[in-house]
All heavy atoms as atom14 arrays in JSON, in Angstrom:
{
  "sequence": "GDAVVTLLRRLRERPEWRPREPGEAGAATLAALDAMVTRFRAGGVDPV",
  "atom14_mask": [
    [1, 1, 1, 1, 0, 0, 0, 0, 0, 0, 0, 0, 0, 0],
    [1, 1, 1, 1, 1, 1, 1, 1, 0, 0, 0, 0, 0, 0],
    [1, 1, 1, 1, 1, 0, 0, 0, 0, 0, 0, 0, 0, 0],
    [1, 1, 1, 1, 1, 1, 1, 0, 0, 0, 0, 0, 0, 0],
    [1, 1, 1, 1, 1, 1, 1, 0, 0, 0, 0, 0, 0, 0],
    [1, 1, 1, 1, 1, 1, 1, 0, 0, 0, 0, 0, 0, 0],
    [1, 1, 1, 1, 1, 1, 1, 1, 0, 0, 0, 0, 0, 0],
    [1, 1, 1, 1, 1, 1, 1, 1, 0, 0, 0, 0, 0, 0],
    [1, 1, 1, 1, 1, 1, 1, 1, 1, 1, 1, 0, 0, 0],
    [1, 1, 1, 1, 1, 1, 1, 1, 1, 1, 1, 0, 0, 0],
    [1, 1, 1, 1, 1, 1, 1, 1, 0, 0, 0, 0, 0, 0],
    [1, 1, 1, 1, 1, 1, 1, 1, 1, 1, 1, 0, 0, 0],
    [1, 1, 1, 1, 1, 1, 1, 1, 1, 0, 0, 0, 0, 0],
    [1, 1, 1, 1, 1, 1, 1, 1, 1, 1, 1, 0, 0, 0],
    [1, 1, 1, 1, 1, 1, 1, 0, 0, 0, 0, 0, 0, 0],
    [1, 1, 1, 1, 1, 1, 1, 1, 1, 0, 0, 0, 0, 0],
    [1, 1, 1, 1, 1, 1, 1, 1, 1, 1, 1, 1, 1, 1],
    [1, 1, 1, 1, 1, 1, 1, 1, 1, 1, 1, 0, 0, 0],
    [1, 1, 1, 1, 1, 1, 1, 0, 0, 0, 0, 0, 0, 0],
    [1, 1, 1, 1, 1, 1, 1, 1, 1, 1, 1, 0, 0, 0],
    [1, 1, 1, 1, 1, 1, 1, 1, 1, 0, 0, 0, 0, 0],
    [1, 1, 1, 1, 1, 1, 1, 0, 0, 0, 0, 0, 0, 0],
    [1, 1, 1, 1, 0, 0, 0, 0, 0, 0, 0, 0, 0, 0],
    [1, 1, 1, 1, 1, 1, 1, 1, 1, 0, 0, 0, 0, 0],
    [1, 1, 1, 1, 1, 0, 0, 0, 0, 0, 0, 0, 0, 0],
    [1, 1, 1, 1, 0, 0, 0, 0, 0, 0, 0, 0, 0, 0],
    [1, 1, 1, 1, 1, 0, 0, 0, 0, 0, 0, 0, 0, 0],
    [1, 1, 1, 1, 1, 0, 0, 0, 0, 0, 0, 0, 0, 0],
    [1, 1, 1, 1, 1, 1, 1, 0, 0, 0, 0, 0, 0, 0],
    [1, 1, 1, 1, 1, 1, 1, 1, 0, 0, 0, 0, 0, 0],
    [1, 1, 1, 1, 1, 0, 0, 0, 0, 0, 0, 0, 0, 0],
    [1, 1, 1, 1, 1, 0, 0, 0, 0, 0, 0, 0, 0, 0],
    [1, 1, 1, 1, 1, 1, 1, 1, 0, 0, 0, 0, 0, 0],
    [1, 1, 1, 1, 1, 1, 1, 1, 0, 0, 0, 0, 0, 0],
    [1, 1, 1, 1, 1, 0, 0, 0, 0, 0, 0, 0, 0, 0],
    [1, 1, 1, 1, 1, 1, 1, 1, 0, 0, 0, 0, 0, 0],
    [1, 1, 1, 1, 1, 1, 1, 0, 0, 0, 0, 0, 0, 0],
    [1, 1, 1, 1, 1, 1, 1, 0, 0, 0, 0, 0, 0, 0],
    [1, 1, 1, 1, 1, 1, 1, 1, 1, 1, 1, 0, 0, 0],
    [1, 1, 1, 1, 1, 1, 1, 1, 1, 1, 1, 0, 0, 0],
    [1, 1, 1, 1, 1, 1, 1, 1, 1, 1, 1, 0, 0, 0],
    [1, 1, 1, 1, 1, 0, 0, 0, 0, 0, 0, 0, 0, 0],
    [1, 1, 1, 1, 0, 0, 0, 0, 0, 0, 0, 0, 0, 0],
    [1, 1, 1, 1, 0, 0, 0, 0, 0, 0, 0, 0, 0, 0],
    [1, 1, 1, 1, 1, 1, 1, 0, 0, 0, 0, 0, 0, 0],
    [1, 1, 1, 1, 1, 1, 1, 1, 0, 0, 0, 0, 0, 0],
    [1, 1, 1, 1, 1, 1, 1, 0, 0, 0, 0, 0, 0, 0],
    [1, 1, 1, 1, 1, 1, 1, 0, 0, 0, 0, 0, 0, 0]
  ],
  "atom14_positions": [
    [[-90.41, 109.52, -92.55], [-89.74, 108.92, -93.7], [-90.71, 108.65, -94.83], [-90.41, 108.89, -96.0], [0.0, 0.0, 0.0], [0.0, 0.0, 0.0], [0.0, 0.0, 0.0], [0.0, 0.0, 0.0], [0.0, 0.0, 0.0], [0.0, 0.0, 0.0], [0.0, 0.0, 0.0], [0.0, 0.0, 0.0], [0.0, 0.0, 0.0], [0.0, 0.0, 0.0]],
    [[-91.9, 108.17, -94.49], [-92.93, 107.91, -95.49], [-93.35, 109.21, -96.17], [-93.52, 109.26, -97.39], [-94.13, 107.24, -94.81], [-95.08, 106.62, -95.81], [-94.6, 106.06, -96.82], [-96.3, 106.71, -95.58], [0.0, 0.0, 0.0], [0.0, 0.0, 0.0], [0.0, 0.0, 0.0], [0.0, 0.0, 0.0], [0.0, 0.0, 0.0], [0.0, 0.0, 0.0]],
    [[-93.49, 110.29, -95.4], [-93.87, 111.58, -95.98], [-92.8, 112.1, -96.92], [-93.1, 112.63, -98.0], [-94.14, 112.59, -94.86], [0.0, 0.0, 0.0], [0.0, 0.0, 0.0], [0.0, 0.0, 0.0], [0.0, 0.0, 0.0], [0.0, 0.0, 0.0], [0.0, 0.0, 0.0], [0.0, 0.0, 0.0], [0.0, 0.0, 0.0], [0.0, 0.0, 0.0]],
    [[-91.54, 111.96, -96.55], [-90.43, 112.42, -97.4], [-90.4, 111.65, -98.71], [-90.28, 112.23, -99.78], [-89.09, 112.32, -96.65], [-87.91, 112.53, -97.6], [-89.04, 113.3, -95.5], [0.0, 0.0, 0.0], [0.0, 0.0, 0.0], [0.0, 0.0, 0.0], [0.0, 0.0, 0.0], [0.0, 0.0, 0.0], [0.0, 0.0, 0.0], [0.0, 0.0, 0.0]],
    [[-90.55, 110.34, -98.64], [-90.55, 109.52, -99.86], [-91.71, 109.92, -100.76], [-91.55, 110.08, -101.98], [-90.63, 108.02, -99.49], [-90.93, 107.17, -100.71], [-89.33, 107.58, -98.85], [0.0, 0.0, 0.0], [0.0, 0.0, 0.0], [0.0, 0.0, 0.0], [0.0, 0.0, 0.0], [0.0, 0.0, 0.0], [0.0, 0.0, 0.0], [0.0, 0.0, 0.0]],
    [[-92.89, 110.12, -100.19], [-94.05, 110.53, -100.99], [-93.84, 111.9, -101.61], [-94.13, 112.11, -102.79], [-95.32, 110.53, -100.1], [-95.51, 109.21, -99.58], [-96.54, 110.94, -100.9], [0.0, 0.0, 0.0], [0.0, 0.0, 0.0], [0.0, 0.0, 0.0], [0.0, 0.0, 0.0], [0.0, 0.0, 0.0], [0.0, 0.0, 0.0], [0.0, 0.0, 0.0]],
    [[-93.32, 112.85, -100.84], [-93.06, 114.19, -101.35], [-92.05, 114.15, -102.49], [-92.26, 114.77, -103.54], [-92.54, 115.1, -100.23], [-92.12, 116.5, -100.66], [-93.32, 117.29, -101.18], [-91.47, 117.23, -99.51], [0.0, 0.0, 0.0], [0.0, 0.0, 0.0], [0.0, 0.0, 0.0], [0.0, 0.0, 0.0], [0.0, 0.0, 0.0], [0.0, 0.0, 0.0]],
    [[-90.96, 113.43, -102.34], [-89.95, 113.35, -103.39], [-90.53, 112.72, -104.65], [-90.25, 113.17, -105.76], [-88.73, 112.56, -102.91], [-87.87, 113.27, -101.88], [-86.77, 112.33, -101.36], [-87.27, 114.54, -102.45], [0.0, 0.0, 0.0], [0.0, 0.0, 0.0], [0.0, 0.0, 0.0], [0.0, 0.0, 0.0], [0.0, 0.0, 0.0], [0.0, 0.0, 0.0]],
    [[-91.34, 111.7, -104.5], [-91.97, 111.06, -105.66], [-92.86, 112.06, -106.39], [-92.82, 112.17, -107.61], [-92.79, 109.84, -105.23], [-93.4, 109.12, -106.43], [-94.26, 107.92, -106.06], [-93.65, 107.05, -105.07], [-94.16, 106.83, -103.85], [-95.27, 107.44, -103.47], [-93.56, 106.03, -103.02], [0.0, 0.0, 0.0], [0.0, 0.0, 0.0], [0.0, 0.0, 0.0]],
    [[-93.65, 112.82, -105.65], [-94.54, 113.79, -106.28], [-93.76, 114.92, -106.95], [-94.14, 115.4, -108.01], [-95.53, 114.35, -105.27], [-96.55, 113.3, -104.89], [-97.57, 113.82, -103.93], [-98.49, 112.75, -103.57], [-99.36, 112.83, -102.6], [-99.44, 113.95, -101.88], [-100.14, 111.82, -102.32], [0.0, 0.0, 0.0], [0.0, 0.0, 0.0], [0.0, 0.0, 0.0]],
    [[-92.68, 115.37, -106.34], [-91.87, 116.41, -106.96], [-91.26, 115.93, -108.28], [-91.22, 116.67, -109.26], [-90.75, 116.86, -106.02], [-91.17, 117.75, -104.86], [-90.0, 117.97, -103.91], [-91.7, 119.08, -105.36], [0.0, 0.0, 0.0], [0.0, 0.0, 0.0], [0.0, 0.0, 0.0], [0.0, 0.0, 0.0], [0.0, 0.0, 0.0], [0.0, 0.0, 0.0]],
    [[-90.8, 114.69, -108.32], [-90.22, 114.14, -109.55], [-91.26, 113.99, -110.65], [-90.93, 114.05, -111.83], [-89.56, 112.81, -109.26], [-88.26, 112.94, -108.55], [-87.53, 111.61, -108.44], [-86.49, 111.71, -107.48], [-86.5, 111.17, -106.27], [-87.51, 110.43, -105.88], [-85.5, 111.34, -105.45], [0.0, 0.0, 0.0], [0.0, 0.0, 0.0], [0.0, 0.0, 0.0]],
    [[-92.52, 113.78, -110.28], [-93.57, 113.6, -111.27], [-94.02, 114.92, -111.89], [-94.64, 114.91, -112.95], [-94.77, 112.89, -110.64], [-94.47, 111.43, -110.29], [-95.54, 110.79, -109.43], [-96.51, 111.49, -109.02], [-95.41, 109.59, -109.14], [0.0, 0.0, 0.0], [0.0, 0.0, 0.0], [0.0, 0.0, 0.0], [0.0, 0.0, 0.0], [0.0, 0.0, 0.0]],
    [[-93.74, 116.04, -111.22], [-94.12, 117.34, -111.78], [-93.32, 117.59, -113.05], [-92.11, 117.41, -113.07], [-93.85, 118.45, -110.76], [-94.77, 118.39, -109.57], [-94.43, 119.38, -108.51], [-94.15, 120.71, -109.02], [-93.54, 121.63, -108.31], [-93.15, 121.38, -107.08], [-93.31, 122.81, -108.82], [0.0, 0.0, 0.0], [0.0, 0.0, 0.0], [0.0, 0.0, 0.0]],
    [[-93.97, 118.02, -114.12], [-93.25, 118.21, -115.38], [-92.13, 119.25, -115.3], [-91.13, 119.12, -115.98], [-94.32, 118.67, -116.36], [-95.6, 118.69, -115.63], [-95.36, 118.3, -114.21], [0.0, 0.0, 0.0], [0.0, 0.0, 0.0], [0.0, 0.0, 0.0], [0.0, 0.0, 0.0], [0.0, 0.0, 0.0], [0.0, 0.0, 0.0], [0.0, 0.0, 0.0]],
    [[-92.29, 120.27, -114.46], [-91.26, 121.3, -114.39], [-90.09, 120.91, -113.49], [-89.1, 121.62, -113.42], [-91.85, 122.65, -113.96], [-92.35, 122.69, -112.54], [-93.78, 122.16, -112.35], [-94.38, 121.64, -113.29], [-94.28, 122.29, -111.23], [0.0, 0.0, 0.0], [0.0, 0.0, 0.0], [0.0, 0.0, 0.0], [0.0, 0.0, 0.0], [0.0, 0.0, 0.0]],
    [[-90.22, 119.81, -112.76], [-89.13, 119.4, -111.87], [-88.05, 118.7, -112.66], [-88.3, 117.81, -113.45], [-89.62, 118.45, -110.78], [-88.53, 118.14, -109.81], [-88.23, 118.84, -108.68], [-87.56, 117.1, -109.88], [-87.15, 118.3, -108.05], [-86.71, 117.22, -108.77], [-87.31, 116.08, -110.78], [-85.65, 116.37, -108.53], [-86.24, 115.23, -110.55], [-85.43, 115.37, -109.42]],
    [[-86.84, 119.15, -112.45], [-85.68, 118.49, -113.04], [-84.45, 118.99, -112.31], [-84.44, 120.11, -111.8], [-85.58, 118.77, -114.53], [-85.41, 120.23, -114.84], [-85.3, 120.47, -116.34], [-85.37, 121.88, -116.64], [-84.48, 122.79, -116.32], [-83.42, 122.44, -115.64], [-84.63, 124.05, -116.65], [0.0, 0.0, 0.0], [0.0, 0.0, 0.0], [0.0, 0.0, 0.0]],
    [[-83.4, 118.2, -112.29], [-82.16, 118.69, -111.68], [-81.63, 119.87, -112.48], [-81.79, 119.92, -113.7], [-81.21, 117.49, -111.78], [-82.06, 116.32, -112.07], [-83.3, 116.83, -112.73], [0.0, 0.0, 0.0], [0.0, 0.0, 0.0], [0.0, 0.0, 0.0], [0.0, 0.0, 0.0], [0.0, 0.0, 0.0], [0.0, 0.0, 0.0], [0.0, 0.0, 0.0]],
    [[-81.02, 120.82, -111.81], [-80.46, 121.98, -112.51], [-79.16, 121.59, -113.21], [-78.38, 120.8, -112.7], [-80.18, 123.11, -111.52], [-81.43, 123.77, -111.04], [-81.11, 124.99, -110.25], [-82.34, 125.73, -110.04], [-82.38, 126.87, -109.4], [-81.3, 127.4, -108.92], [-83.52, 127.49, -109.24], [0.0, 0.0, 0.0], [0.0, 0.0, 0.0], [0.0, 0.0, 0.0]],
    [[-78.98, 122.18, -114.35], [-77.74, 122.0, -115.1], [-76.64, 122.82, -114.42], [-76.92, 123.82, -113.76], [-77.91, 122.49, -116.54], [-78.93, 121.7, -117.33], [-78.52, 120.26, -117.56], [-77.32, 120.01, -117.77], [-79.4, 119.39, -117.49], [0.0, 0.0, 0.0], [0.0, 0.0, 0.0], [0.0, 0.0, 0.0], [0.0, 0.0, 0.0], [0.0, 0.0, 0.0]],
    [[-75.36, 122.43, -114.6], [-74.28, 123.24, -114.03], [-74.37, 124.68, -114.55], [-74.57, 124.91, -115.73], [-73.01, 122.55, -114.54], [-73.43, 121.15, -114.83], [-74.87, 121.24, -115.27], [0.0, 0.0, 0.0], [0.0, 0.0, 0.0], [0.0, 0.0, 0.0], [0.0, 0.0, 0.0], [0.0, 0.0, 0.0], [0.0, 0.0, 0.0], [0.0, 0.0, 0.0]],
    [[-74.25, 125.63, -113.65], [-74.31, 127.04, -114.02], [-75.71, 127.62, -114.04], [-75.89, 128.83, -114.07], [0.0, 0.0, 0.0], [0.0, 0.0, 0.0], [0.0, 0.0, 0.0], [0.0, 0.0, 0.0], [0.0, 0.0, 0.0], [0.0, 0.0, 0.0], [0.0, 0.0, 0.0], [0.0, 0.0, 0.0], [0.0, 0.0, 0.0], [0.0, 0.0, 0.0]],
    [[-76.73, 126.77, -114.03], [-78.11, 127.25, -114.11], [-78.51, 128.02, -112.85], [-79.18, 129.04, -112.94], [-79.05, 126.08, -114.33], [-80.46, 126.47, -114.65], [-81.35, 125.27, -114.95], [-80.86, 124.14, -115.01], [-82.56, 125.5, -115.11], [0.0, 0.0, 0.0], [0.0, 0.0, 0.0], [0.0, 0.0, 0.0], [0.0, 0.0, 0.0], [0.0, 0.0, 0.0]],
    [[-78.06, 127.56, -111.7], [-78.4, 128.26, -110.45], [-77.76, 129.64, -110.44], [-78.38, 130.62, -110.04], [-77.94, 127.45, -109.24], [0.0, 0.0, 0.0], [0.0, 0.0, 0.0], [0.0, 0.0, 0.0], [0.0, 0.0, 0.0], [0.0, 0.0, 0.0], [0.0, 0.0, 0.0], [0.0, 0.0, 0.0], [0.0, 0.0, 0.0], [0.0, 0.0, 0.0]],
    [[-76.52, 129.74, -110.91], [-75.85, 131.03, -110.97], [-76.55, 131.98, -111.92], [-76.72, 133.17, -111.62], [0.0, 0.0, 0.0], [0.0, 0.0, 0.0], [0.0, 0.0, 0.0], [0.0, 0.0, 0.0], [0.0, 0.0, 0.0], [0.0, 0.0, 0.0], [0.0, 0.0, 0.0], [0.0, 0.0, 0.0], [0.0, 0.0, 0.0], [0.0, 0.0, 0.0]],
    [[-76.99, 131.47, -113.07], [-77.7, 132.31, -114.03], [-79.02, 132.8, -113.44], [-79.41, 133.96, -113.63], [-77.95, 131.53, -115.32], [0.0, 0.0, 0.0], [0.0, 0.0, 0.0], [0.0, 0.0, 0.0], [0.0, 0.0, 0.0], [0.0, 0.0, 0.0], [0.0, 0.0, 0.0], [0.0, 0.0, 0.0], [0.0, 0.0, 0.0], [0.0, 0.0, 0.0]],
    [[-79.71, 131.93, -112.69], [-80.97, 132.32, -112.06], [-80.72, 133.39, -111.0], [-81.51, 134.34, -110.86], [-81.65, 131.1, -111.44], [0.0, 0.0, 0.0], [0.0, 0.0, 0.0], [0.0, 0.0, 0.0], [0.0, 0.0, 0.0], [0.0, 0.0, 0.0], [0.0, 0.0, 0.0], [0.0, 0.0, 0.0], [0.0, 0.0, 0.0], [0.0, 0.0, 0.0]],
    [[-79.62, 133.28, -110.27], [-79.28, 134.28, -109.26], [-79.03, 135.64, -109.91], [-79.53, 136.67, -109.45], [-78.04, 133.85, -108.47], [-78.34, 132.63, -107.79], [-77.62, 134.9, -107.46], [0.0, 0.0, 0.0], [0.0, 0.0, 0.0], [0.0, 0.0, 0.0], [0.0, 0.0, 0.0], [0.0, 0.0, 0.0], [0.0, 0.0, 0.0], [0.0, 0.0, 0.0]],
    [[-78.25, 135.66, -111.0], [-77.96, 136.91, -111.68], [-79.21, 137.52, -112.31], [-79.39, 138.74, -112.29], [-76.86, 136.71, -112.72], [-75.49, 136.32, -112.14], [-74.48, 136.12, -113.26], [-74.99, 137.31, -111.12], [0.0, 0.0, 0.0], [0.0, 0.0, 0.0], [0.0, 0.0, 0.0], [0.0, 0.0, 0.0], [0.0, 0.0, 0.0], [0.0, 0.0, 0.0]],
    [[-80.1, 136.67, -112.8], [-81.37, 137.18, -113.35], [-82.21, 137.81, -112.24], [-82.84, 138.85, -112.44], [-82.14, 136.06, -114.03], [0.0, 0.0, 0.0], [0.0, 0.0, 0.0], [0.0, 0.0, 0.0], [0.0, 0.0, 0.0], [0.0, 0.0, 0.0], [0.0, 0.0, 0.0], [0.0, 0.0, 0.0], [0.0, 0.0, 0.0], [0.0, 0.0, 0.0]],
    [[-82.2, 137.2, -111.06], [-82.93, 137.77, -109.92], [-82.32, 139.11, -109.51], [-83.04, 140.06, -109.19], [-82.93, 136.8, -108.74], [0.0, 0.0, 0.0], [0.0, 0.0, 0.0], [0.0, 0.0, 0.0], [0.0, 0.0, 0.0], [0.0, 0.0, 0.0], [0.0, 0.0, 0.0], [0.0, 0.0, 0.0], [0.0, 0.0, 0.0], [0.0, 0.0, 0.0]],
    [[-80.99, 139.21, -109.54], [-80.33, 140.48, -109.24], [-80.71, 141.54, -110.27], [-80.95, 142.69, -109.92], [-78.81, 140.31, -109.2], [-78.24, 139.64, -107.96], [-76.74, 139.38, -108.14], [-78.49, 140.47, -106.72], [0.0, 0.0, 0.0], [0.0, 0.0, 0.0], [0.0, 0.0, 0.0], [0.0, 0.0, 0.0], [0.0, 0.0, 0.0], [0.0, 0.0, 0.0]],
    [[-80.77, 141.16, -111.55], [-81.21, 142.09, -112.6], [-82.58, 142.67, -112.25], [-82.78, 143.89, -112.33], [-81.3, 141.39, -113.96], [-79.97, 141.05, -114.57], [-78.94, 141.62, -114.16], [-79.95, 140.2, -115.49], [0.0, 0.0, 0.0], [0.0, 0.0, 0.0], [0.0, 0.0, 0.0], [0.0, 0.0, 0.0], [0.0, 0.0, 0.0], [0.0, 0.0, 0.0]],
    [[-83.5, 141.8, -111.88], [-84.87, 142.23, -111.57], [-84.88, 143.15, -110.34], [-85.6, 144.16, -110.32], [-85.77, 141.02, -111.35], [0.0, 0.0, 0.0], [0.0, 0.0, 0.0], [0.0, 0.0, 0.0], [0.0, 0.0, 0.0], [0.0, 0.0, 0.0], [0.0, 0.0, 0.0], [0.0, 0.0, 0.0], [0.0, 0.0, 0.0], [0.0, 0.0, 0.0]],
    [[-84.09, 142.81, -109.32], [-84.06, 143.64, -108.11], [-83.5, 145.02, -108.41], [-84.04, 146.03, -107.95], [-83.24, 142.96, -107.01], [-83.98, 141.83, -106.33], [-83.1, 141.21, -104.88], [-81.91, 140.14, -105.62], [0.0, 0.0, 0.0], [0.0, 0.0, 0.0], [0.0, 0.0, 0.0], [0.0, 0.0, 0.0], [0.0, 0.0, 0.0], [0.0, 0.0, 0.0]],
    [[-82.42, 145.08, -109.18], [-81.81, 146.37, -109.5], [-82.79, 147.23, -110.28], [-82.91, 148.44, -110.03], [-80.48, 146.17, -110.26], [-80.02, 147.45, -110.93], [-79.42, 145.67, -109.3], [0.0, 0.0, 0.0], [0.0, 0.0, 0.0], [0.0, 0.0, 0.0], [0.0, 0.0, 0.0], [0.0, 0.0, 0.0], [0.0, 0.0, 0.0], [0.0, 0.0, 0.0]],
    [[-83.5, 146.63, -111.22], [-84.5, 147.37, -111.99], [-85.56, 147.96, -111.07], [-85.91, 149.14, -111.19], [-85.15, 146.45, -113.05], [-84.11, 145.98, -113.92], [-86.22, 147.17, -113.84], [0.0, 0.0, 0.0], [0.0, 0.0, 0.0], [0.0, 0.0, 0.0], [0.0, 0.0, 0.0], [0.0, 0.0, 0.0], [0.0, 0.0, 0.0], [0.0, 0.0, 0.0]],
    [[-86.05, 147.16, -110.13], [-87.07, 147.65, -109.19], [-86.53, 148.73, -108.26], [-87.19, 149.73, -108.01], [-87.65, 146.49, -108.38], [-88.51, 145.57, -109.25], [-89.15, 144.5, -108.46], [-90.19, 145.09, -107.62], [-90.81, 144.43, -106.66], [-90.52, 143.18, -106.42], [-91.73, 145.01, -105.94], [0.0, 0.0, 0.0], [0.0, 0.0, 0.0], [0.0, 0.0, 0.0]],
    [[-85.32, 148.52, -107.76], [-84.73, 149.52, -106.87], [-84.58, 150.86, -107.59], [-84.95, 151.9, -107.08], [-83.36, 149.07, -106.34], [-83.42, 148.0, -105.29], [-82.43, 147.03, -105.24], [-84.44, 147.94, -104.37], [-82.46, 146.04, -104.27], [-84.48, 146.95, -103.4], [-83.49, 145.99, -103.36], [0.0, 0.0, 0.0], [0.0, 0.0, 0.0], [0.0, 0.0, 0.0]],
    [[-84.01, 150.8, -108.77], [-83.77, 152.04, -109.52], [-85.08, 152.72, -109.91], [-85.16, 153.95, -109.91], [-82.9, 151.75, -110.73], [-81.46, 151.48, -110.3], [-80.52, 151.4, -111.46], [-79.14, 151.33, -110.98], [-78.2, 150.61, -111.54], [-78.44, 149.92, -112.64], [-76.99, 150.61, -111.04], [0.0, 0.0, 0.0], [0.0, 0.0, 0.0], [0.0, 0.0, 0.0]],
    [[-86.09, 151.93, -110.21], [-87.41, 152.51, -110.53], [-87.96, 153.24, -109.31], [-88.7, 154.22, -109.45], [-88.38, 151.42, -110.99], [0.0, 0.0, 0.0], [0.0, 0.0, 0.0], [0.0, 0.0, 0.0], [0.0, 0.0, 0.0], [0.0, 0.0, 0.0], [0.0, 0.0, 0.0], [0.0, 0.0, 0.0], [0.0, 0.0, 0.0], [0.0, 0.0, 0.0]],
    [[-87.59, 152.8, -108.11], [-88.03, 153.45, -106.88], [-87.07, 154.53, -106.4], [-87.23, 155.03, -105.29], [0.0, 0.0, 0.0], [0.0, 0.0, 0.0], [0.0, 0.0, 0.0], [0.0, 0.0, 0.0], [0.0, 0.0, 0.0], [0.0, 0.0, 0.0], [0.0, 0.0, 0.0], [0.0, 0.0, 0.0], [0.0, 0.0, 0.0], [0.0, 0.0, 0.0]],
    [[-86.06, 154.84, -107.2], [-85.13, 155.9, -106.83], [-84.04, 155.46, -105.88], [-83.42, 156.31, -105.22], [0.0, 0.0, 0.0], [0.0, 0.0, 0.0], [0.0, 0.0, 0.0], [0.0, 0.0, 0.0], [0.0, 0.0, 0.0], [0.0, 0.0, 0.0], [0.0, 0.0, 0.0], [0.0, 0.0, 0.0], [0.0, 0.0, 0.0], [0.0, 0.0, 0.0]],
    [[-83.78, 154.17, -105.78], [-82.77, 153.66, -104.86], [-81.56, 153.17, -105.65], [-81.71, 152.44, -106.63], [-83.34, 152.48, -104.02], [-82.26, 151.86, -103.15], [-84.52, 152.94, -103.2], [0.0, 0.0, 0.0], [0.0, 0.0, 0.0], [0.0, 0.0, 0.0], [0.0, 0.0, 0.0], [0.0, 0.0, 0.0], [0.0, 0.0, 0.0], [0.0, 0.0, 0.0]],
    [[-80.36, 153.57, -105.23], [-79.12, 153.07, -105.82], [-78.68, 151.84, -105.03], [-78.29, 151.96, -103.86], [-78.02, 154.13, -105.78], [-78.27, 155.24, -106.76], [-78.8, 154.96, -107.86], [-77.92, 156.39, -106.45], [0.0, 0.0, 0.0], [0.0, 0.0, 0.0], [0.0, 0.0, 0.0], [0.0, 0.0, 0.0], [0.0, 0.0, 0.0], [0.0, 0.0, 0.0]],
    [[-78.74, 150.66, -105.63], [-78.39, 149.44, -104.89], [-76.88, 149.29, -104.69], [-76.08, 149.86, -105.43], [-78.94, 148.33, -105.77], [-78.93, 148.9, -107.14], [-79.17, 150.37, -106.99], [0.0, 0.0, 0.0], [0.0, 0.0, 0.0], [0.0, 0.0, 0.0], [0.0, 0.0, 0.0], [0.0, 0.0, 0.0], [0.0, 0.0, 0.0], [0.0, 0.0, 0.0]],
    [[-76.54, 148.51, -103.68], [-75.15, 148.13, -103.41], [-75.16, 146.62, -103.27], [-76.0, 146.06, -102.54], [-74.64, 148.77, -102.09], [-73.24, 148.27, -101.76], [-74.68, 150.28, -102.18], [0.0, 0.0, 0.0], [0.0, 0.0, 0.0], [0.0, 0.0, 0.0], [0.0, 0.0, 0.0], [0.0, 0.0, 0.0], [0.0, 0.0, 0.0], [0.0, 0.0, 0.0]]
  ]
}
């Protein structure tokens, strides 16, 4: 419990840590899919 409390405190202190806005996780997922499709196609693979 002490380790979890310390970890959460340190995560909140990081400047890049913040709760995600609604829809932000979905946008990040689609951006990751964009990157994967680009890499697959560059390697000659048609993704599904």
